Protein backbone atom coordinates (compact mmCIF):
# COMPACT_ATOMS: atom_id res chain seq x y z
CA UNK A 1 -56.70 22.15 -3.38
CA UNK A 2 -58.68 18.88 -4.15
CA UNK A 3 -57.17 15.79 -2.70
CA UNK A 4 -56.35 14.46 -6.48
CA UNK A 5 -53.50 17.70 -6.63
CA UNK A 6 -52.47 16.70 -3.11
CA UNK A 7 -51.85 13.42 -3.97
CA UNK A 8 -50.07 14.49 -7.28
CA UNK A 9 -48.02 17.07 -5.55
CA UNK A 10 -46.48 14.52 -2.61
CA UNK A 11 -45.83 12.00 -5.66
CA UNK A 12 -43.39 14.77 -7.14
CA UNK A 13 -41.55 15.73 -4.45
CA UNK A 14 -41.00 11.65 -3.45
CA UNK A 15 -39.88 11.07 -7.07
CA UNK A 16 -37.62 14.39 -6.58
CA UNK A 17 -36.23 13.30 -3.31
CA UNK A 18 -35.37 9.98 -4.62
CA UNK A 19 -33.38 11.50 -7.48
CA UNK A 20 -31.75 13.94 -6.01
CA UNK A 21 -28.56 13.98 -6.47
CA UNK A 22 -26.26 12.72 -3.76
CA UNK A 23 -24.39 15.86 -2.71
CA UNK A 24 -20.46 15.38 -1.23
CA UNK A 25 -21.91 16.53 2.05
CA UNK A 26 -23.91 13.88 2.09
CA UNK A 27 -21.57 10.98 1.23
CA UNK A 28 -18.57 12.30 4.07
CA UNK A 29 -21.67 12.21 6.79
CA UNK A 30 -22.43 8.82 5.86
CA UNK A 31 -21.81 5.77 7.69
CA UNK A 32 -21.48 4.34 4.61
CA UNK A 33 -18.60 3.68 1.41
CA UNK A 34 -18.21 2.01 -1.61
CA UNK A 35 -15.81 -0.19 -3.39
CA UNK A 36 -15.68 -2.79 -5.51
CA UNK A 37 -18.67 -4.82 -3.89
CA UNK A 38 -20.36 -2.03 -3.75
CA UNK A 39 -21.85 -0.36 -0.25
CA UNK A 40 -19.73 -0.91 2.58
CA UNK A 41 -20.10 0.13 6.07
CA UNK A 42 -17.02 2.50 7.09
CA UNK A 43 -16.62 1.03 10.32
CA UNK A 44 -15.64 -2.16 8.13
CA UNK A 45 -12.63 -0.23 6.37
CA UNK A 46 -11.56 1.39 9.56
CA UNK A 47 -11.31 -1.65 10.91
CA UNK A 48 -9.13 -2.97 8.36
CA UNK A 49 -6.81 0.26 8.20
CA UNK A 50 -9.15 1.75 5.59
CA UNK A 51 -8.18 -0.80 2.80
CA UNK A 52 -10.49 -2.87 0.98
CA UNK A 53 -10.44 -6.70 2.21
CA UNK A 54 -11.77 -7.66 -0.86
CA UNK A 55 -9.86 -5.78 -3.84
CA UNK A 56 -6.77 -4.40 -2.06
CA UNK A 57 -7.21 -1.09 -2.78
CA UNK A 58 -6.21 1.59 -0.15
CA UNK A 59 -8.45 4.27 0.30
CA UNK A 60 -7.20 7.73 0.90
CA UNK A 61 -6.84 8.92 4.85
CA UNK A 62 -5.82 11.86 6.19
CA UNK A 63 -2.77 12.77 8.03
CA UNK A 64 -3.85 11.86 11.88
CA UNK A 65 -4.57 8.55 10.57
CA UNK A 66 -1.82 7.49 9.19
CA UNK A 67 0.41 8.00 12.19
CA UNK A 68 -2.21 6.49 14.39
CA UNK A 69 -1.23 3.51 11.67
CA UNK A 70 2.42 4.04 12.31
CA UNK A 71 3.21 4.74 15.66
CA UNK A 72 0.14 3.80 17.75
CA UNK A 73 -2.98 6.01 17.96
CA UNK A 74 -1.69 9.38 19.44
CA UNK A 75 1.49 8.29 20.12
CA UNK A 76 3.57 10.40 18.42
CA UNK A 77 4.01 14.51 19.19
CA UNK A 78 2.61 17.06 16.53
CA UNK A 79 4.89 19.91 15.58
CA UNK A 80 3.26 23.54 15.41
CA UNK A 81 4.72 24.69 11.97
CA UNK A 82 4.89 28.59 10.87
CA UNK A 83 2.76 29.64 8.88
CA UNK A 84 3.19 32.43 6.15
CA UNK A 85 0.61 35.10 5.41
CA UNK A 86 -2.87 33.75 3.94
CA UNK A 87 -2.78 34.99 0.50
CA UNK A 88 0.11 36.78 -0.87
CA UNK A 89 -0.95 37.50 -3.96
CA UNK A 90 -4.98 38.35 -3.56
CA UNK A 91 -5.58 35.70 -5.46
CA UNK A 92 -9.44 35.31 -6.74
CA UNK A 93 -10.90 33.16 -9.17
CA UNK A 94 -14.69 31.97 -8.60
CA UNK A 95 -14.00 32.45 -4.94
CA UNK A 96 -11.50 34.15 -3.00
CA UNK A 97 -8.08 32.07 -2.18
CA UNK A 98 -8.71 33.00 1.29
CA UNK A 99 -11.87 31.93 1.57
CA UNK A 100 -10.60 28.70 -0.05
CA UNK A 101 -8.12 28.75 2.79
CA UNK A 102 -10.85 28.79 5.33
CA UNK A 103 -12.97 26.36 4.01
CA UNK A 104 -10.16 23.61 4.09
CA UNK A 105 -8.54 24.06 7.22
CA UNK A 106 -12.66 24.05 8.58
CA UNK A 107 -13.04 20.75 6.34
CA UNK A 108 -9.38 19.16 7.82
CA UNK A 109 -8.52 20.91 11.41
CA UNK A 110 -5.18 21.75 10.23
CA UNK A 111 -3.86 24.67 9.17
CA UNK A 112 -2.09 23.76 6.00
CA UNK A 113 -1.98 20.82 3.89
CA UNK A 114 1.12 19.33 6.10
CA UNK A 115 1.28 17.40 9.19
CA UNK A 116 4.42 17.11 11.13
CA UNK A 117 5.05 14.86 14.00
CA UNK A 118 7.75 13.06 15.77
CA UNK A 119 7.25 9.69 17.07
CA UNK A 120 9.52 6.07 17.42
CA UNK A 121 9.60 2.76 15.34
CA UNK A 122 11.59 -0.12 17.25
CA UNK A 123 12.66 2.68 19.17
CA UNK A 124 14.53 4.78 16.53
CA UNK A 125 12.76 8.58 16.79
CA UNK A 126 11.49 9.67 13.69
CA UNK A 127 10.51 12.70 11.73
CA UNK A 128 7.61 12.57 9.35
CA UNK A 129 5.63 15.05 7.35
CA UNK A 130 2.07 13.47 5.61
CA UNK A 131 -0.28 15.71 3.72
CA UNK A 132 -3.60 15.84 3.63
CA UNK A 133 -5.29 15.50 -0.14
CA UNK A 134 -8.63 17.04 1.47
CA UNK A 135 -7.00 20.39 1.75
CA UNK A 136 -6.98 21.48 -1.62
CA UNK A 137 -5.51 18.38 -3.17
CA UNK A 138 -2.38 18.55 -0.92
CA UNK A 139 -0.93 20.96 -3.34
CA UNK A 140 1.83 22.56 -2.17
CA UNK A 141 2.00 26.48 -0.97
CA UNK A 142 4.32 28.22 1.06
CA UNK A 143 2.76 27.28 4.32
CA UNK A 144 3.55 23.57 3.40
CA UNK A 145 7.00 24.77 2.17
CA UNK A 146 7.64 25.89 5.52
CA UNK A 147 6.09 22.80 7.12
CA UNK A 148 8.50 20.93 5.38
CA UNK A 149 11.20 22.62 5.80
CA UNK A 150 10.58 23.04 9.78
CA UNK A 151 10.28 19.64 9.58
CA UNK A 152 13.46 18.72 7.97
CA UNK A 153 15.20 21.00 10.77
CA UNK A 154 13.91 19.17 13.48
CA UNK A 155 15.23 16.18 12.12
CA UNK A 156 18.50 17.57 12.03
CA UNK A 157 18.86 19.51 14.79
CA UNK A 158 17.25 15.84 17.08
CA UNK A 159 18.98 13.78 14.45
CA UNK A 160 16.29 11.45 13.53
CA UNK A 161 15.49 9.64 10.33
CA UNK A 162 12.92 12.21 7.96
CA UNK A 163 10.30 9.97 6.75
CA UNK A 164 7.67 11.69 4.02
CA UNK A 165 4.62 10.46 3.04
CA UNK A 166 3.73 12.27 0.18
CA UNK A 167 0.51 13.09 -1.74
CA UNK A 168 -1.25 15.50 -3.91
CA UNK A 169 -1.60 16.90 -7.40
CA UNK A 170 1.57 19.57 -7.82
CA UNK A 171 2.09 23.36 -6.85
CA UNK A 172 -0.66 25.38 -5.97
CA UNK A 173 -1.59 27.93 -8.56
CA UNK A 174 -2.82 30.37 -6.30
CA UNK A 175 0.82 31.47 -5.47
CA UNK A 176 1.97 31.25 -8.29
CA UNK A 177 5.93 31.26 -8.36
CA UNK A 178 5.69 31.13 -4.47
CA UNK A 179 4.53 27.53 -5.00
CA UNK A 180 7.13 26.84 -7.37
CA UNK A 181 9.67 28.05 -5.23
CA UNK A 182 8.99 25.55 -2.93
CA UNK A 183 10.16 22.35 -5.42
CA UNK A 184 13.86 24.49 -5.10
CA UNK A 185 13.67 25.08 -0.74
CA UNK A 186 12.45 20.88 -0.54
CA UNK A 187 15.11 19.84 -2.55
CA UNK A 188 18.12 22.15 -0.77
CA UNK A 189 16.25 21.25 2.52
CA UNK A 190 16.97 17.17 1.28
CA UNK A 191 20.20 17.49 0.49
CA UNK A 192 20.88 19.21 3.94
CA UNK A 193 19.53 15.67 5.67
CA UNK A 194 22.06 13.72 3.73
CA UNK A 195 24.90 16.31 4.58
CA UNK A 196 24.25 15.41 8.17
CA UNK A 197 23.92 11.30 6.77
CA UNK A 198 20.39 11.67 8.09
CA UNK A 199 17.77 8.57 6.04
CA UNK A 200 15.27 10.54 4.26
CA UNK A 201 12.77 7.99 3.52
CA UNK A 202 9.46 8.38 1.15
CA UNK A 203 6.25 6.79 1.35
CA UNK A 204 4.53 7.70 -1.71
CA UNK A 205 0.58 7.43 -1.96
CA UNK A 206 -2.36 7.58 -4.25
CA UNK A 207 -2.45 9.91 -5.72
CA UNK A 208 1.35 11.48 -6.06
CA UNK A 209 1.59 13.91 -9.09
CA UNK A 210 3.20 17.00 -10.82
CA UNK A 211 5.32 18.86 -8.90
CA UNK A 212 5.52 16.70 -5.84
CA UNK A 213 6.79 14.03 -8.23
CA UNK A 214 9.48 16.20 -9.45
CA UNK A 215 10.97 17.15 -6.08
CA UNK A 216 10.57 15.84 -2.74
CA UNK A 217 9.06 12.52 -3.40
CA UNK A 218 11.58 11.43 -6.00
CA UNK A 219 14.78 12.18 -3.93
CA UNK A 220 14.69 9.42 -1.19
CA UNK A 221 17.15 7.13 -0.12
CA UNK A 222 14.63 4.52 -0.40
CA UNK A 223 11.28 4.95 -2.15
CA UNK A 224 8.52 2.87 -1.08
CA UNK A 225 4.73 2.72 -2.19
CA UNK A 226 1.37 1.76 -1.39
CA UNK A 227 -0.21 -0.41 -3.20
CA UNK A 228 -2.04 0.90 -6.63
CA UNK A 229 -0.93 4.46 -5.60
CA UNK A 230 -1.05 7.21 -8.91
CA UNK A 231 2.61 8.20 -9.30
CA UNK A 232 3.14 10.42 -12.27
CA UNK A 233 4.13 14.20 -13.37
CA UNK A 234 1.89 14.57 -16.12
CA UNK A 235 -1.15 13.50 -17.26
CA UNK A 236 -1.33 9.86 -18.75
CA UNK A 237 -3.53 11.44 -22.11
CA UNK A 238 -1.23 14.51 -22.27
CA UNK A 239 1.89 11.99 -22.22
CA UNK A 240 0.22 9.95 -25.18
CA UNK A 241 -0.82 12.83 -27.36
CA UNK A 242 2.61 13.72 -26.99
CA UNK A 243 4.55 10.61 -27.81
CA UNK A 244 1.71 9.39 -29.77
CA UNK A 245 2.25 5.51 -28.87
CA UNK A 246 -0.12 3.85 -27.02
CA UNK A 247 0.98 3.86 -22.64
CA UNK A 248 1.67 0.17 -21.38
CA UNK A 249 -1.30 -1.06 -18.95
CA UNK A 250 -0.74 0.72 -15.43
CA UNK A 251 1.64 3.27 -17.03
CA UNK A 252 1.62 5.10 -14.02
CA UNK A 253 0.88 2.24 -10.75
CA UNK A 254 3.63 1.91 -8.39
CA UNK A 255 3.49 -1.36 -9.34
CA UNK A 256 4.57 0.03 -12.56
CA UNK A 257 6.88 2.18 -11.23
CA UNK A 258 8.16 -0.67 -9.13
CA UNK A 259 9.02 -2.71 -12.01
CA UNK A 260 11.11 0.55 -13.89
CA UNK A 261 13.22 1.23 -11.31
CA UNK A 262 11.48 4.39 -9.38
CA UNK A 263 10.32 2.72 -6.66
CA UNK A 264 12.08 0.13 -4.59
CA UNK A 265 9.19 -1.34 -2.66
CA UNK A 266 5.40 -1.99 -2.39
CA UNK A 267 3.70 -2.22 0.82
CA UNK A 268 0.77 -2.72 2.08
CA UNK A 269 -0.61 -0.38 4.85
CA UNK A 270 -0.57 -2.80 7.41
CA UNK A 271 3.19 -3.62 7.44
CA UNK A 272 4.37 -0.54 6.90
CA UNK A 273 5.23 0.51 10.58
CA UNK A 274 6.88 -2.89 10.54
CA UNK A 275 9.23 -2.33 7.11
CA UNK A 276 10.17 1.04 7.83
CA UNK A 277 11.73 0.24 11.12
CA UNK A 278 13.52 -2.86 9.28
CA UNK A 279 15.09 -0.45 7.15
CA UNK A 280 16.11 2.36 9.67
CA UNK A 281 17.56 -0.19 11.82
CA UNK A 282 19.98 -1.22 8.80
CA UNK A 283 20.49 2.09 7.52
CA UNK A 284 21.39 3.48 10.79
CA UNK A 285 23.35 -0.11 12.08
CA UNK A 286 21.20 -0.76 14.14
CA UNK A 287 20.66 -4.28 13.32
CA UNK A 288 22.98 -7.24 15.25
CA UNK A 289 23.30 -8.54 12.02
CA UNK A 290 25.79 -5.91 11.26
CA UNK A 291 28.77 -6.06 13.84
CA UNK A 292 32.41 -5.08 11.74
CA UNK A 293 33.06 -2.71 9.35
CA UNK A 294 34.14 -5.61 6.89
CA UNK A 295 30.53 -6.84 6.67
CA UNK A 296 28.53 -3.54 6.61
CA UNK A 297 28.13 -3.54 2.85
CA UNK A 298 27.63 -7.78 2.58
CA UNK A 299 24.80 -7.53 5.04
CA UNK A 300 23.41 -4.27 4.81
CA UNK A 301 22.53 -6.05 0.88
CA UNK A 302 21.40 -8.69 2.31
CA UNK A 303 19.55 -7.38 4.93
CA UNK A 304 17.73 -5.12 2.34
CA UNK A 305 17.31 -8.19 0.21
CA UNK A 306 15.12 -9.75 2.89
CA UNK A 307 13.13 -7.04 3.58
CA UNK A 308 12.22 -6.80 -0.02
CA UNK A 309 10.96 -10.25 -0.07
């Protein structure tokens, strides 16, 4: 091989390296991410609670990050929830379901897509559950259903409010009807919370869709949502194709759902802990403004109006 050939081959290698498409692993392991104004150091986003300081986009974060923001770093107890048998239907498509579960567990450090904790806001003990979109799209299967029910049971036994931070694309096809049955199970569990007069608050985050929207994400006493969160049942193109009409701008964003009454409050991530604490103080009548039975309704209404503003 002469020197000209060597130079040509070296140039081709450099060209290939430059144009090589970045893999997901490259992006996850990088110190950089991107938003409206291009590349941004992840550290800068982290300092701003993973919210873009320019466009206010609320990036998706893991349950542990959410609970660190809500309760203070590691200032909560993680509950160990039951894990049913993996792959009850022996599902396999392009990969075996068991292999997908193994990969998701390694990626997230979680046994299932839901994390249940107990923490305190404004001296009020709260049981909370959050979903991790990195765990198979935060889809619902038997293990997630068990986690949700375990959290509700813990809340009832310890007489705490229950907070659900929803995310996910719906039910998990790999468990078929077992997965779909979680819609019924979570609904029954929420009814038990209400029978015990315990507040059920939902914070809807991006994205919340499918059977999750059709069940526990829309059964709260109060629905909060992060700005710009996608909240849907079916996809916008499917709906548009069905109704044969142009859909309003931002049809499935949290701001539109607030206007149409499906969401009560849009809350920035940095304000979420304060808002939840204030709302629970009112719902549990721990607010000093609520002093007598005669003015309960009036004071509750006024207090909730102040929170909304």
